[in-house]
N, C-alpha and C. Protein backbone atom coordinates (compact mmCIF):
# COMPACT_ATOMS: atom_id res chain seq x y z
N MET A 1 -2.70 12.18 -5.18
CA MET A 1 -1.72 12.44 -4.10
C MET A 1 -0.37 11.82 -4.46
N TRP A 2 0.63 12.64 -4.62
CA TRP A 2 1.95 12.12 -4.94
C TRP A 2 2.92 12.45 -3.80
N TRP A 3 3.78 11.49 -3.49
CA TRP A 3 4.76 11.75 -2.42
C TRP A 3 6.03 12.36 -3.01
N ARG A 4 7.04 12.50 -2.17
CA ARG A 4 8.27 13.17 -2.62
C ARG A 4 8.93 12.42 -3.77
N SER A 5 8.92 11.10 -3.75
CA SER A 5 9.58 10.36 -4.83
C SER A 5 8.72 9.18 -5.26
N PRO A 6 8.84 8.75 -6.50
CA PRO A 6 8.04 7.61 -7.00
C PRO A 6 8.27 6.36 -6.16
N SER A 7 9.48 6.19 -5.65
CA SER A 7 9.76 4.98 -4.85
C SER A 7 8.92 5.00 -3.57
N ASP A 8 8.75 6.18 -2.96
CA ASP A 8 7.94 6.27 -1.74
C ASP A 8 6.49 5.91 -2.04
N SER A 9 5.95 6.46 -3.12
CA SER A 9 4.55 6.19 -3.47
C SER A 9 4.39 4.71 -3.79
N HIS A 10 5.39 4.10 -4.43
CA HIS A 10 5.31 2.67 -4.76
C HIS A 10 5.31 1.85 -3.49
N THR A 11 6.19 2.22 -2.53
CA THR A 11 6.25 1.48 -1.26
C THR A 11 4.92 1.57 -0.53
N ILE A 12 4.34 2.77 -0.49
CA ILE A 12 3.05 2.96 0.19
C ILE A 12 1.97 2.13 -0.51
N ALA A 13 2.03 2.08 -1.84
CA ALA A 13 1.04 1.30 -2.59
C ALA A 13 1.16 -0.18 -2.25
N VAL A 14 2.38 -0.68 -2.15
CA VAL A 14 2.59 -2.09 -1.81
C VAL A 14 2.07 -2.38 -0.41
N ILE A 15 2.39 -1.49 0.55
CA ILE A 15 1.93 -1.68 1.93
C ILE A 15 0.40 -1.66 1.97
N ALA A 16 -0.20 -0.73 1.23
CA ALA A 16 -1.67 -0.64 1.22
C ALA A 16 -2.27 -1.91 0.64
N THR A 17 -1.65 -2.43 -0.43
CA THR A 17 -2.16 -3.67 -1.05
C THR A 17 -2.09 -4.83 -0.06
N ARG A 18 -0.97 -4.94 0.65
CA ARG A 18 -0.82 -6.04 1.63
C ARG A 18 -1.81 -5.85 2.77
N PHE A 19 -2.02 -4.61 3.20
CA PHE A 19 -2.96 -4.35 4.30
C PHE A 19 -4.37 -4.77 3.89
N ILE A 20 -4.75 -4.44 2.65
CA ILE A 20 -6.09 -4.82 2.16
C ILE A 20 -6.18 -6.34 2.07
N ASP A 21 -5.10 -6.99 1.62
CA ASP A 21 -5.11 -8.45 1.49
C ASP A 21 -5.31 -9.09 2.86
N LEU A 22 -4.61 -8.58 3.87
CA LEU A 22 -4.78 -9.12 5.22
C LEU A 22 -6.19 -8.86 5.72
N GLY A 23 -6.73 -7.70 5.42
CA GLY A 23 -8.09 -7.37 5.86
C GLY A 23 -9.10 -8.32 5.26
N GLN A 24 -8.93 -8.67 3.99
CA GLN A 24 -9.87 -9.58 3.34
C GLN A 24 -9.76 -10.98 3.94
N ARG A 25 -8.57 -11.36 4.40
CA ARG A 25 -8.41 -12.69 5.01
C ARG A 25 -9.22 -12.80 6.29
N PHE A 26 -9.25 -11.72 7.07
CA PHE A 26 -9.98 -11.77 8.35
C PHE A 26 -11.48 -11.71 8.13
N LEU A 27 -11.92 -11.16 6.99
CA LEU A 27 -13.37 -11.05 6.75
C LEU A 27 -13.96 -12.40 6.37
């Protein structure tokens, strides 16, 4: 899945990584 621009996909990847990191903290 690719978004309109590489910067958008990179931003989404960073947000997803932080979301997973926060999720692991609560577990």
